[in-house]
C-alpha atoms as a PDB file:
ATOM      1  CA  MET A   1     109.956  88.994 226.611  1.00  0.00           C
ATOM      2  CA  TYR A   2     112.046  88.278 223.554  1.00  0.00           C
ATOM      3  CA  PRO A   3     110.049  88.383 220.285  1.00  0.00           C
ATOM      4  CA  LYS A   4     110.780  85.465 218.012  1.00  0.00           C
ATOM      5  CA  VAL A   5     113.269  86.016 215.169  1.00  0.00           C
ATOM      6  CA  SER A   6     113.862  83.770 212.148  1.00  0.00           C
ATOM      7  CA  LEU A   7     117.331  83.736 210.598  1.00  0.00           C
ATOM      8  CA  LEU A   8     117.100  82.698 206.942  1.00  0.00           C
ATOM      9  CA  TRP A   9     120.433  81.399 205.617  1.00  0.00           C
ATOM     10  CA  VAL A  10     121.044  80.003 202.133  1.00  0.00           C
ATOM     11  CA  ASN A  11     123.811  77.950 200.558  1.00  0.00           C
ATOM     12  CA  TYR A  12     124.964  76.797 197.145  1.00  0.00           C
ATOM     13  CA  ASN A  13     128.202  74.970 196.293  1.00  0.00           C
ATOM     14  CA  SER A  14     130.317  76.358 199.130  1.00  0.00           C
ATOM     15  CA  SER A  15     132.962  73.604 199.341  1.00  0.00           C
ATOM     16  CA  GLY A  16     135.599  76.107 198.264  1.00  0.00           C
ATOM     17  CA  PHE A  17     135.202  78.135 201.462  1.00  0.00           C
ATOM     18  CA  LYS A  18     134.197  75.692 204.197  1.00  0.00           C
ATOM     19  CA  ASN A  19     136.084  77.702 206.819  1.00  0.00           C
ATOM     20  CA  ILE A  20     133.836  80.687 206.091  1.00  0.00           C
ATOM     21  CA  ILE A  21     130.719  78.512 206.301  1.00  0.00           C
ATOM     22  CA  LYS A  22     131.893  77.132 209.635  1.00  0.00           C
ATOM     23  CA  ASP A  23     132.514  80.639 211.018  1.00  0.00           C
ATOM     24  CA  SER A  24     129.094  81.769 209.781  1.00  0.00           C
ATOM     25  CA  ILE A  25     127.239  78.947 211.543  1.00  0.00           C
ATOM     26  CA  GLU A  26     129.322  79.321 214.705  1.00  0.00           C
ATOM     27  CA  SER A  27     128.376  83.003 214.804  1.00  0.00           C
ATOM     28  CA  ILE A  28     124.708  81.960 214.904  1.00  0.00           C
ATOM     29  CA  LYS A  29     125.472  79.680 217.834  1.00  0.00           C
ATOM     30  CA  GLY A  30     127.155  82.597 219.629  1.00  0.00           C
ATOM     31  CA  LEU A  31     124.171  84.983 219.511  1.00  0.00           C
ATOM     32  CA  ASP A  32     123.152  86.482 222.856  1.00  0.00           C
ATOM     33  CA  TYR A  33     119.465  86.244 221.907  1.00  0.00           C
ATOM     34  CA  PRO A  34     117.430  83.325 223.312  1.00  0.00           C
ATOM     35  CA  ASN A  35     114.402  83.202 221.015  1.00  0.00           C
ATOM     36  CA  PHE A  36     115.377  82.535 217.403  1.00  0.00           C
ATOM     37  CA  GLU A  37     115.044  79.823 214.811  1.00  0.00           C
ATOM     38  CA  PHE A  38     117.693  79.132 212.185  1.00  0.00           C
ATOM     39  CA  ILE A  39     116.422  78.035 208.771  1.00  0.00           C
ATOM     40  CA  ALA A  40     119.121  76.927 206.342  1.00  0.00           C
ATOM     41  CA  VAL A  41     118.254  76.108 202.730  1.00  0.00           C
ATOM     42  CA  ASP A  42     120.606  74.471 200.256  1.00  0.00           C
ATOM     43  CA  GLY A  43     119.740  75.405 196.686  1.00  0.00           C
ATOM     44  CA  GLY A  44     120.513  72.077 195.012  1.00  0.00           C
ATOM     45  CA  SER A  45     124.291  72.075 195.491  1.00  0.00           C
ATOM     46  CA  THR A  46     126.295  69.661 193.334  1.00  0.00           C
ATOM     47  CA  ASP A  47     129.249  69.466 195.735  1.00  0.00           C
ATOM     48  CA  ASP A  48     129.510  68.027 199.260  1.00  0.00           C
ATOM     49  CA  SER A  49     128.665  71.288 201.050  1.00  0.00           C
ATOM     50  CA  PRO A  50     125.136  70.157 202.130  1.00  0.00           C
ATOM     51  CA  ASN A  51     126.584  67.193 204.042  1.00  0.00           C
ATOM     52  CA  PHE A  52     129.249  69.436 205.561  1.00  0.00           C
ATOM     53  CA  ILE A  53     126.622  71.963 206.694  1.00  0.00           C
ATOM     54  CA  GLU A  54     124.324  69.294 208.087  1.00  0.00           C
ATOM     55  CA  GLY A  55     127.234  67.935 210.117  1.00  0.00           C
ATOM     56  CA  LEU A  56     128.022  71.390 211.471  1.00  0.00           C
ATOM     57  CA  LEU A  57     124.405  71.966 212.460  1.00  0.00           C
ATOM     58  CA  LYS A  58     124.166  68.659 214.320  1.00  0.00           C
ATOM     59  CA  LYS A  59     127.257  69.558 216.326  1.00  0.00           C
ATOM     60  CA  SER A  60     126.386  73.230 216.776  1.00  0.00           C
ATOM     61  CA  LYS A  61     123.969  72.918 219.696  1.00  0.00           C
ATOM     62  CA  ILE A  62     121.669  75.433 217.996  1.00  0.00           C
ATOM     63  CA  ASN A  63     118.416  74.434 219.671  1.00  0.00           C
ATOM     64  CA  ASN A  64     115.944  75.349 216.968  1.00  0.00           C
ATOM     65  CA  TYR A  65     117.034  74.830 213.372  1.00  0.00           C
ATOM     66  CA  LYS A  66     115.745  73.453 210.086  1.00  0.00           C
ATOM     67  CA  PHE A  67     117.875  72.323 207.160  1.00  0.00           C
ATOM     68  CA  ILE A  68     116.054  72.119 203.841  1.00  0.00           C
ATOM     69  CA  ARG A  69     117.603  70.667 200.688  1.00  0.00           C
ATOM     70  CA  GLN A  70     116.274  71.663 197.282  1.00  0.00           C
ATOM     71  CA  LYS A  71     116.548  69.023 194.600  1.00  0.00           C
ATOM     72  CA  GLU A  72     117.688  71.503 191.961  1.00  0.00           C
ATOM     73  CA  ASN A  73     119.225  74.947 191.745  1.00  0.00           C
ATOM     74  CA  LEU A  74     116.414  77.469 191.215  1.00  0.00           C
ATOM     75  CA  GLY A  75     118.489  80.458 192.266  1.00  0.00           C
ATOM     76  CA  LEU A  76     119.285  82.407 195.408  1.00  0.00           C
ATOM     77  CA  HIS A  77     115.894  84.069 195.640  1.00  0.00           C
ATOM     78  CA  SER A  78     114.050  80.764 195.353  1.00  0.00           C
ATOM     79  CA  SER A  79     116.041  79.467 198.333  1.00  0.00           C
ATOM     80  CA  TRP A  80     115.199  82.538 200.399  1.00  0.00           C
ATOM     81  CA  ASN A  81     111.518  82.241 199.454  1.00  0.00           C
ATOM     82  CA  ILE A  82     111.498  78.628 200.654  1.00  0.00           C
ATOM     83  CA  ALA A  83     113.138  79.671 203.927  1.00  0.00           C
ATOM     84  CA  TYR A  84     110.622  82.509 204.319  1.00  0.00           C
ATOM     85  CA  SER A  85     107.675  80.148 203.737  1.00  0.00           C
ATOM     86  CA  SER A  86     109.116  77.761 206.351  1.00  0.00           C
ATOM     87  CA  MET A  87     109.201  80.300 209.202  1.00  0.00           C
ATOM     88  CA  SER A  88     107.278  79.576 212.407  1.00  0.00           C
ATOM     89  CA  ASN A  89     105.440  82.878 212.829  1.00  0.00           C
ATOM     90  CA  PRO A  90     108.326  85.134 213.968  1.00  0.00           C
ATOM     91  CA  LYS A  91     107.873  88.833 214.668  1.00  0.00           C
ATOM     92  CA  TYR A  92     111.081  89.626 212.773  1.00  0.00           C
ATOM     93  CA  PHE A  93     113.404  87.877 210.336  1.00  0.00           C
ATOM     94  CA  MET A  94     116.818  88.343 208.775  1.00  0.00           C
ATOM     95  CA  LEU A  95     118.127  87.308 205.351  1.00  0.00           C
ATOM     96  CA  LEU A  96     121.685  86.009 205.779  1.00  0.00           C
ATOM     97  CA  ASN A  97     124.224  85.076 203.139  1.00  0.00           C
ATOM     98  CA  ASN A  98     126.351  82.018 203.854  1.00  0.00           C
ATOM     99  CA  ASP A  99     129.448  84.251 203.859  1.00  0.00           C
ATOM    100  CA  VAL A 100     128.195  86.437 206.714  1.00  0.00           C
ATOM    101  CA  LYS A 101     129.432  86.313 210.303  1.00  0.00           C
ATOM    102  CA  ILE A 102     126.848  87.968 212.529  1.00  0.00           C
ATOM    103  CA  TYR A 103     127.970  89.650 215.751  1.00  0.00           C
ATOM    104  CA  PRO A 104     126.635  88.284 219.090  1.00  0.00           C
ATOM    105  CA  ASN A 105     124.748  91.481 219.971  1.00  0.00           C
ATOM    106  CA  ALA A 106     123.241  92.187 216.545  1.00  0.00           C
ATOM    107  CA  VAL A 107     119.881  90.400 216.777  1.00  0.00           C
ATOM    108  CA  ARG A 108     119.148  91.720 220.263  1.00  0.00           C
ATOM    109  CA  GLU A 109     120.014  95.314 219.345  1.00  0.00           C
ATOM    110  CA  PHE A 110     118.036  95.191 216.089  1.00  0.00           C
ATOM    111  CA  VAL A 111     114.970  93.872 217.940  1.00  0.00           C
ATOM    112  CA  GLU A 112     115.257  96.510 220.650  1.00  0.00           C
ATOM    113  CA  ARG A 113     115.235  99.251 217.998  1.00  0.00           C
ATOM    114  CA  LEU A 114     112.369  97.758 215.997  1.00  0.00           C
ATOM    115  CA  GLU A 115     110.286  97.387 219.153  1.00  0.00           C
ATOM    116  CA  GLN A 116     110.454 101.177 219.587  1.00  0.00           C
ATOM    117  CA  ASP A 117     108.816 102.014 216.240  1.00  0.00           C
ATOM    118  CA  GLU A 118     106.283  99.747 214.543  1.00  0.00           C
ATOM    119  CA  LYS A 119     106.526 101.752 211.307  1.00  0.00           C
ATOM    120  CA  ILE A 120     110.070 100.575 210.610  1.00  0.00           C
ATOM    121  CA  GLY A 121     109.727  97.781 208.056  1.00  0.00           C
ATOM    122  CA  ALA A 122     113.440  97.094 207.557  1.00  0.00           C
ATOM    123  CA  LEU A 123     116.556  98.001 209.510  1.00  0.00           C
ATOM    124  CA  ASN A 124     120.067  98.058 208.031  1.00  0.00           C
ATOM    125  CA  GLY A 125     123.054  98.210 210.373  1.00  0.00           C
ATOM    126  CA  ILE A 126     126.777  98.525 209.709  1.00  0.00           C
ATOM    127  CA  GLU A 127     127.904  95.668 207.470  1.00  0.00           C
ATOM    128  CA  ILE A 128     131.687  95.291 207.711  1.00  0.00           C
ATOM    129  CA  GLN A 129     134.050  93.700 205.222  1.00  0.00           C
ATOM    130  CA  TRP A 130     135.202  90.335 206.577  1.00  0.00           C
ATOM    131  CA  GLY A 131     138.340  90.531 208.706  1.00  0.00           C
ATOM    132  CA  SER A 132     138.795  94.275 208.270  1.00  0.00           C
ATOM    133  CA  LYS A 133     137.815  97.640 209.701  1.00  0.00           C
ATOM    134  CA  LEU A 134     136.269  98.819 206.450  1.00  0.00           C
ATOM    135  CA  ILE A 135     132.527  99.142 205.842  1.00  0.00           C
ATOM    136  CA  ALA A 136     130.886  96.966 203.174  1.00  0.00           C
ATOM    137  CA  ASN A 137     127.673  99.001 203.240  1.00  0.00           C
ATOM    138  CA  THR A 138     125.177 100.818 205.420  1.00  0.00           C
ATOM    139  CA  GLY A 139     122.299 100.464 202.975  1.00  0.00           C
ATOM    140  CA  ALA A 140     121.806 102.257 199.680  1.00  0.00           C
ATOM    141  CA  VAL A 141     120.151 105.326 198.166  1.00  0.00           C
ATOM    142  CA  PHE A 142     119.035 105.348 194.530  1.00  0.00           C
ATOM    143  CA  ASP A 143     118.385 108.289 192.241  1.00  0.00           C
ATOM    144  CA  GLU A 144     115.443 108.974 189.924  1.00  0.00           C
ATOM    145  CA  ILE A 145     116.836 106.755 187.193  1.00  0.00           C
ATOM    146  CA  PHE A 146     117.470 103.904 189.705  1.00  0.00           C
ATOM    147  CA  THR A 147     121.258 103.898 189.681  1.00  0.00           C
ATOM    148  CA  VAL A 148     122.287 102.937 193.201  1.00  0.00           C
ATOM    149  CA  ASN A 149     124.695 104.512 195.696  1.00  0.00           C
ATOM    150  CA  ILE A 150     125.949 101.928 198.194  1.00  0.00           C
ATOM    151  CA  LEU A 151     126.527 104.045 201.276  1.00  0.00           C
ATOM    152  CA  SER A 152     129.799 104.177 203.231  1.00  0.00           C
ATOM    153  CA  LYS A 153     131.563 101.478 201.183  1.00  0.00           C
ATOM    154  CA  ASN A 154     135.304 101.247 202.018  1.00  0.00           C
ATOM    155  CA  ILE A 155     135.020 103.892 204.745  1.00  0.00           C
ATOM    156  CA  GLN A 156     136.661 103.088 208.080  1.00  0.00           C
ATOM    157  CA  VAL A 157     134.149 101.796 210.638  1.00  0.00           C
ATOM    158  CA  GLU A 158     135.231 104.464 213.117  1.00  0.00           C
ATOM    159  CA  ASN A 159     134.154 107.130 210.615  1.00  0.00           C
ATOM    160  CA  CYS A 160     130.678 105.690 210.093  1.00  0.00           C
ATOM    161  CA  GLU A 161     127.534 107.786 210.455  1.00  0.00           C
ATOM    162  CA  LYS A 162     126.608 108.081 214.122  1.00  0.00           C
ATOM    163  CA  ASN A 163     122.960 109.023 213.549  1.00  0.00           C
ATOM    164  CA  GLU A 164     120.039 107.047 212.140  1.00  0.00           C
ATOM    165  CA  HIS A 165     118.682 108.041 208.761  1.00  0.00           C
ATOM    166  CA  PHE A 166     116.361 106.901 206.000  1.00  0.00           C
ATOM    167  CA  ILE A 167     117.671 104.785 203.111  1.00  0.00           C
ATOM    168  CA  SER A 168     116.103 103.669 199.848  1.00  0.00           C
ATOM    169  CA  VAL A 169     117.280 100.053 200.056  1.00  0.00           C
ATOM    170  CA  ALA A 170     118.216  97.680 202.881  1.00  0.00           C
ATOM    171  CA  SER A 171     120.927  95.140 202.124  1.00  0.00           C
ATOM    172  CA  ALA A 172     119.709  91.545 201.912  1.00  0.00           C
ATOM    173  CA  ALA A 173     122.967  90.269 203.401  1.00  0.00           C
ATOM    174  CA  ILE A 174     122.387  91.118 207.063  1.00  0.00           C
ATOM    175  CA  SER A 175     119.342  93.385 207.626  1.00  0.00           C
ATOM    176  CA  MET A 176     116.282  92.710 209.803  1.00  0.00           C
ATOM    177  CA  PHE A 177     112.682  92.881 208.523  1.00  0.00           C
ATOM    178  CA  ARG A 178     109.305  93.151 210.255  1.00  0.00           C
ATOM    179  CA  THR A 179     107.303  90.051 209.333  1.00  0.00           C
ATOM    180  CA  SER A 180     103.876  91.688 209.598  1.00  0.00           C
ATOM    181  CA  ALA A 181     104.928  94.360 207.097  1.00  0.00           C
ATOM    182  CA  LEU A 182     106.060  91.788 204.546  1.00  0.00           C
ATOM    183  CA  LYS A 183     102.970  89.633 205.059  1.00  0.00           C
ATOM    184  CA  LYS A 184     100.847  92.611 204.019  1.00  0.00           C
ATOM    185  CA  LEU A 185     102.735  92.689 200.720  1.00  0.00           C
ATOM    186  CA  GLY A 186     101.941  89.030 200.021  1.00  0.00           C
ATOM    187  CA  GLU A 187     104.116  86.238 198.670  1.00  0.00           C
ATOM    188  CA  PRO A 188     106.537  85.552 197.209  1.00  0.00           C
ATOM    189  CA  LEU A 189     108.953  87.533 199.340  1.00  0.00           C
ATOM    190  CA  LEU A 190     111.372  87.959 196.410  1.00  0.00           C
ATOM    191  CA  GLU A 191     110.759  87.898 192.688  1.00  0.00           C
ATOM    192  CA  GLU A 192     112.471  84.771 191.378  1.00  0.00           C
ATOM    193  CA  ASN A 193     112.921  86.074 187.844  1.00  0.00           C
ATOM    194  CA  MET A 194     114.811  89.194 188.932  1.00  0.00           C
ATOM    195  CA  PHE A 195     118.584  89.403 189.213  1.00  0.00           C
ATOM    196  CA  ARG A 196     120.493  89.865 192.466  1.00  0.00           C
ATOM    197  CA  HIS A 197     120.289  93.349 194.041  1.00  0.00           C
ATOM    198  CA  PHE A 198     117.241  94.482 192.060  1.00  0.00           C
ATOM    199  CA  ASN A 199     115.176  92.225 194.301  1.00  0.00           C
ATOM    200  CA  GLU A 200     116.403  94.132 197.357  1.00  0.00           C
ATOM    201  CA  THR A 201     115.373  97.386 195.683  1.00  0.00           C
ATOM    202  CA  ILE A 202     111.868  96.120 194.884  1.00  0.00           C
ATOM    203  CA  LEU A 203     111.432  94.737 198.414  1.00  0.00           C
ATOM    204  CA  SER A 204     112.475  97.987 200.101  1.00  0.00           C
ATOM    205  CA  ALA A 205     110.499 100.129 197.635  1.00  0.00           C
ATOM    206  CA  ARG A 206     107.354  98.121 198.342  1.00  0.00           C
ATOM    207  CA  LEU A 207     107.820  98.669 202.083  1.00  0.00           C
ATOM    208  CA  TRP A 208     108.109 102.426 201.562  1.00  0.00           C
ATOM    209  CA  ASN A 209     105.077 102.421 199.264  1.00  0.00           C
ATOM    210  CA  ALA A 210     103.068 100.521 201.901  1.00  0.00           C
ATOM    211  CA  GLY A 211     103.788 103.224 204.484  1.00  0.00           C
ATOM    212  CA  TYR A 212     106.740 101.604 206.270  1.00  0.00           C
ATOM    213  CA  LYS A 213     110.192 103.122 206.777  1.00  0.00           C
ATOM    214  CA  VAL A 214     113.502 101.580 205.737  1.00  0.00           C
ATOM    215  CA  MET A 215     116.287 102.849 207.958  1.00  0.00           C
ATOM    216  CA  PHE A 216     119.970 102.725 208.759  1.00  0.00           C
ATOM    217  CA  THR A 217     120.938 102.420 212.415  1.00  0.00           C
ATOM    218  CA  PRO A 218     124.545 102.539 213.683  1.00  0.00           C
ATOM    219  CA  ILE A 219     124.552  98.985 215.035  1.00  0.00           C
ATOM    220  CA  LYS A 220     127.535  96.842 214.042  1.00  0.00           C
ATOM    221  CA  ALA A 221     125.704  93.884 212.531  1.00  0.00           C
ATOM    222  CA  GLY A 222     128.501  91.619 211.357  1.00  0.00           C
ATOM    223  CA  GLU A 223     131.041  90.856 208.665  1.00  0.00           C
ATOM    224  CA  HIS A 224     130.420  89.950 205.029  1.00  0.00           C
ATOM    225  CA  HIS A 225     133.007  88.184 202.873  1.00  0.00           C
ATOM    226  CA  THR A 226     131.983  90.172 199.794  1.00  0.00           C
ATOM    227  CA  LYS A 227     134.858  88.969 197.584  1.00  0.00           C
ATOM    228  CA  LEU A 228     133.915  85.278 197.600  1.00  0.00           C
ATOM    229  CA  ILE A 229     131.402  85.664 194.777  1.00  0.00           C
ATOM    230  CA  LYS A 230     133.093  86.596 191.531  1.00  0.00           C
ATOM    231  CA  GLU A 231     130.700  88.405 189.240  1.00  0.00           C
ATOM    232  CA  SER A 232     130.387  86.719 185.864  1.00  0.00           C
ATOM    233  CA  LYS A 233     131.403  88.869 182.902  1.00  0.00           C
ATOM    234  CA  SER A 234     129.198  86.905 180.524  1.00  0.00           C
ATOM    235  CA  LEU A 235     126.662  88.583 178.277  1.00  0.00           C
ATOM    236  CA  LYS A 236     123.952  86.548 180.019  1.00  0.00           C
ATOM    237  CA  ARG A 237     124.776  88.082 183.392  1.00  0.00           C
ATOM    238  CA  PHE A 238     125.073  91.505 181.758  1.00  0.00           C
ATOM    239  CA  TYR A 239     121.666  91.033 180.125  1.00  0.00           C
ATOM    240  CA  TYR A 240     119.946  90.111 183.397  1.00  0.00           C
ATOM    241  CA  SER A 241     121.537  93.073 185.173  1.00  0.00           C
ATOM    242  CA  LEU A 242     120.317  95.609 182.623  1.00  0.00           C
ATOM    243  CA  ARG A 243     116.926  93.919 182.403  1.00  0.00           C
ATOM    244  CA  GLY A 244     116.518  94.314 186.168  1.00  0.00           C
ATOM    245  CA  TRP A 245     117.377  97.999 186.016  1.00  0.00           C
ATOM    246  CA  LEU A 246     114.963  98.631 183.148  1.00  0.00           C
ATOM    247  CA  THR A 247     112.217  96.656 184.879  1.00  0.00           C
ATOM    248  CA  LEU A 248     112.486  98.966 187.898  1.00  0.00           C
ATOM    249  CA  LEU A 249     112.172 101.995 185.653  1.00  0.00           C
ATOM    250  CA  PHE A 250     109.157 100.656 183.745  1.00  0.00           C
ATOM    251  CA  MET A 251     107.250  99.694 186.919  1.00  0.00           C
ATOM    252  CA  SER A 252     107.766 103.134 188.462  1.00  0.00           C
ATOM    253  CA  ASN A 253     106.773 106.747 187.933  1.00  0.00           C
ATOM    254  CA  SER A 254     110.382 107.817 187.349  1.00  0.00           C
ATOM    255  CA  PRO A 255     110.468 110.892 185.095  1.00  0.00           C
ATOM    256  CA  TYR A 256     113.337 109.274 183.196  1.00  0.00           C
ATOM    257  CA  LYS A 257     111.760 105.944 182.251  1.00  0.00           C
ATOM    258  CA  ASN A 258     111.009 107.029 178.677  1.00  0.00           C
ATOM    259  CA  SER A 259     113.737 109.639 178.348  1.00  0.00           C
ATOM    260  CA  ILE A 260     116.793 109.990 176.136  1.00  0.00           C
ATOM    261  CA  PHE A 261     118.908 109.703 179.298  1.00  0.00           C
ATOM    262  CA  LYS A 262     117.657 106.145 179.844  1.00  0.00           C
ATOM    263  CA  ASP A 263     118.567 105.196 176.264  1.00  0.00           C
ATOM    264  CA  THR A 264     121.954 106.922 176.547  1.00  0.00           C
ATOM    265  CA  PHE A 265     122.726 105.062 179.769  1.00  0.00           C
ATOM    266  CA  LEU A 266     121.748 101.741 178.166  1.00  0.00           C
ATOM    267  CA  LEU A 267     123.877 102.368 175.081  1.00  0.00           C
ATOM    268  CA  LYS A 268     126.813 103.375 177.264  1.00  0.00           C
ATOM    269  CA  GLN A 269     126.650 100.007 179.054  1.00  0.00           C
ATOM    270  CA  LEU A 270     126.873  98.199 175.722  1.00  0.00           C
ATOM    271  CA  VAL A 271     130.115  99.921 174.731  1.00  0.00           C
ATOM    272  CA  TYR A 272     132.341  97.941 177.109  1.00  0.00           C
ATOM    273  CA  PRO A 273     131.569  94.379 175.972  1.00  0.00           C
ATOM    274  CA  LEU A 274     131.724  95.583 172.379  1.00  0.00           C
ATOM    275  CA  ILE A 275     135.197  97.051 172.868  1.00  0.00           C
ATOM    276  CA  LYS A 276     136.338  93.906 174.654  1.00  0.00           C
ATOM    277  CA  ASP A 277     135.224  91.542 171.911  1.00  0.00           C
ATOM    278  CA  LEU A 278     134.173  92.952 168.537  1.00  0.00           C
ATOM    279  CA  LYS A 279     133.070  89.470 167.473  1.00  0.00           C
ATOM    280  CA  ASN A 280     130.064  89.887 169.767  1.00  0.00           C
ATOM    281  CA  TYR A 281     128.612  92.829 167.848  1.00  0.00           C
ATOM    282  CA  LYS A 282     125.741  90.821 166.298  1.00  0.00           C
ATOM    283  CA  GLU A 283     124.787  89.395 169.680  1.00  0.00           C
ATOM    284  CA  LEU A 284     124.948  92.853 171.222  1.00  0.00           C
ATOM    285  CA  ILE A 285     122.660  94.314 168.558  1.00  0.00           C
ATOM    286  CA  ARG A 286     120.133  91.566 169.298  1.00  0.00           C
ATOM    287  CA  PHE A 287     120.748  92.163 173.002  1.00  0.00           C
ATOM    288  CA  TYR A 288     119.865  95.861 172.673  1.00  0.00           C
ATOM    289  CA  LYS A 289     116.640  95.057 170.842  1.00  0.00           C
ATOM    290  CA  ASP A 290     115.574  92.318 173.254  1.00  0.00           C
ATOM    291  CA  VAL A 291     116.424  93.706 176.684  1.00  0.00           C
ATOM    292  CA  SER A 292     113.937  96.606 176.649  1.00  0.00           C
ATOM    293  CA  LYS A 293     111.132  94.387 175.349  1.00  0.00           C
ATOM    294  CA  ASP A 294     111.864  91.725 177.970  1.00  0.00           C
ATOM    295  CA  ALA A 295     112.028  94.291 180.788  1.00  0.00           C
ATOM    296  CA  LYS A 296     108.727  95.831 179.707  1.00  0.00           C
ATOM    297  CA  GLN A 297     107.069  92.406 179.876  1.00  0.00           C
ATOM    298  CA  LYS A 298     108.512  91.805 183.365  1.00  0.00           C
ATOM    299  CA  ALA A 299     107.304  95.199 184.536  1.00  0.00           C
ATOM    300  CA  ASP A 300     103.827  94.649 183.070  1.00  0.00           C
ATOM    301  CA  GLY A 301     103.583  91.353 184.944  1.00  0.00           C
ATOM    302  CA  LEU A 302     104.469  93.047 188.229  1.00  0.00           C
ATOM    303  CA  LEU A 303     102.085  95.919 187.577  1.00  0.00           C
ATOM    304  CA  LYS A 304      99.245  93.448 186.987  1.00  0.00           C
ATOM    305  CA  ARG A 305      99.917  92.214 190.527  1.00  0.00           C
ATOM    306  CA  LYS A 306      99.634  95.851 191.657  1.00  0.00           C
ATOM    307  CA  ILE A 307     103.343  96.086 192.420  1.00  0.00           C
ATOM    308  CA  PHE A 308     104.089  99.690 191.486  1.00  0.00           C
ATOM    309  CA  ILE A 309     106.988 101.851 192.667  1.00  0.00           C
ATOM    310  CA  ASP A 310     106.032 105.398 193.539  1.00  0.00           C
ATOM    311  CA  ILE A 311     109.460 106.983 193.732  1.00  0.00           C
ATOM    312  CA  TYR A 312     108.033 110.003 195.548  1.00  0.00           C
ATOM    313  CA  LYS A 313     107.192 107.867 198.566  1.00  0.00           C
ATOM    314  CA  ILE A 314     110.842 106.798 198.849  1.00  0.00           C
ATOM    315  CA  PRO A 315     113.958 108.762 199.890  1.00  0.00           C
ATOM    316  CA  HIS A 316     116.132 109.240 196.811  1.00  0.00           C
ATOM    317  CA  ILE A 317     118.637 111.508 195.118  1.00  0.00           C
ATOM    318  CA  ARG A 318     116.936 114.105 192.952  1.00  0.00           C
ATOM    319  CA  GLY A 319     117.683 113.789 189.265  1.00  0.00           C
ATOM    320  CA  PHE A 320     120.267 111.215 188.223  1.00  0.00           C
ATOM    321  CA  ARG A 321     123.994 110.660 188.563  1.00  0.00           C
ATOM    322  CA  TYR A 322     125.160 112.302 185.350  1.00  0.00           C
ATOM    323  CA  TYR A 323     128.733 111.073 185.829  1.00  0.00           C
ATOM    324  CA  TRP A 324     127.671 107.509 185.014  1.00  0.00           C
ATOM    325  CA  LEU A 325     127.445 108.660 181.407  1.00  0.00           C
ATOM    326  CA  PHE A 326     131.237 109.088 181.354  1.00  0.00           C
ATOM    327  CA  PRO A 327     133.942 106.359 181.047  1.00  0.00           C
ATOM    328  CA  ARG A 328     134.402 104.294 184.223  1.00  0.00           C
ATOM    329  CA  SER A 329     137.928 105.568 184.879  1.00  0.00           C
ATOM    330  CA  LEU A 330     136.615 109.158 184.927  1.00  0.00           C
ATOM    331  CA  THR A 331     133.553 108.179 186.950  1.00  0.00           C
ATOM    332  CA  LYS A 332     135.723 107.054 189.861  1.00  0.00           C
ATOM    333  CA  ILE A 333     137.390 110.480 189.952  1.00  0.00           C
ATOM    334  CA  ILE A 334     134.372 112.770 189.697  1.00  0.00           C
ATOM    335  CA  GLN A 335     131.677 110.865 191.600  1.00  0.00           C
ATOM    336  CA  PRO A 336     130.650 112.519 194.874  1.00  0.00           C
ATOM    337  CA  SER A 337     131.074 111.096 198.356  1.00  0.00           C
ATOM    338  CA  LEU A 338     128.950 108.116 199.292  1.00  0.00           C
ATOM    339  CA  ARG A 339     128.482 109.314 202.871  1.00  0.00           C
ATOM    340  CA  PHE A 340     124.849 109.990 203.666  1.00  0.00           C
ATOM    341  CA  ARG A 341     125.591 113.339 205.297  1.00  0.00           C
ATOM    342  CA  ASP A 342     127.273 114.551 202.090  1.00  0.00           C
ATOM    343  CA  LEU A 343     124.215 113.614 200.009  1.00  0.00           C
ATOM    344  CA  ARG A 344     121.689 115.439 202.179  1.00  0.00           C
ATOM    345  CA  LYS A 345     121.387 118.548 199.997  1.00  0.00           C
ATOM    346  CA  SER A 346     120.478 116.491 196.938  1.00  0.00           C
ATOM    347  CA  LEU A 347     118.055 114.130 198.714  1.00  0.00           C
ATOM    348  CA  TYR A 348     114.304 113.989 198.353  1.00  0.00           C
ATOM    349  CA  ILE A 349     112.746 112.892 201.666  1.00  0.00           C
ATOM    350  CA  PRO A 350     109.029 112.026 201.580  1.00  0.00           C
ATOM    351  CA  LYS A 351     106.662 113.195 204.261  1.00  0.00           C
ATOM    352  CA  ILE A 352     106.393 110.487 206.908  1.00  0.00           C
ATOM    353  CA  GLU A 353     103.025 110.172 208.647  1.00  0.00           C
END
């Protein structure tokens, strides 16, 4: 028997990299797993990529697929929520970016591992940088102030961890999740007013808090073209990023959520845009006043829904990464290794029942 798996794939304005889109969809066609459905959602693209994707799907010979077009762009997480709500009762599902090429064996090997332990809520394999032998990530571990260590980034695949281990956060690009575990948490799957990777952190934290494990396993899952998306340097993007980080702090029992270290870290982040453009100083002052208030409101809304992060039910680095208080150029020199085995001595591992 092959348990059913849903592959949730989202798109927005991808005309600039149609060759990557084509490779991504062809990799789905090449899976050596017979029982899956492919759900593609376009988030209101304004280019011709939806028509291109629909044409690829019709020619792909993927037996079981759905293609859903949103009328407007409501964000990445809205598209994934729509895909999640459209699943046909699978036992497992994967969130896939449109710049991911999944390996033929990945779904089968993920399922085989998940079938061995019903307490694994999410499984992160080896995500490789597109067209290279370098690792993009093997999951992430955060510290007590919620700064995140992406594990194994830029390490050669041959030097990857050979043993399974716990992680704080599973990547949303190419990990597999147990549907029954997420159903217990309720909908929506992802918070639509959170920004990018903070949603992954909340999702994984909620699984840990509900008694499920989030794990890395040394399965080569696929390749991710991580350089296609250029991060905006705008103050708006910067605002949402810091708001997400503060929201995590305020909805948790982190010992640093009301500390001077939190305020120092926030002020340090504001230095760079101020140095870059002194004309923005008035906007930055308003920014500093608004971001904490906004994050507190977001956290209060989540707490009212009983979404609370107990950091002591989640593997994490004790304390916080002090070196993030220094200039970025110095940070790159003094930060410790991002290999899991080198972090072991500083890790807090909760008791697993």
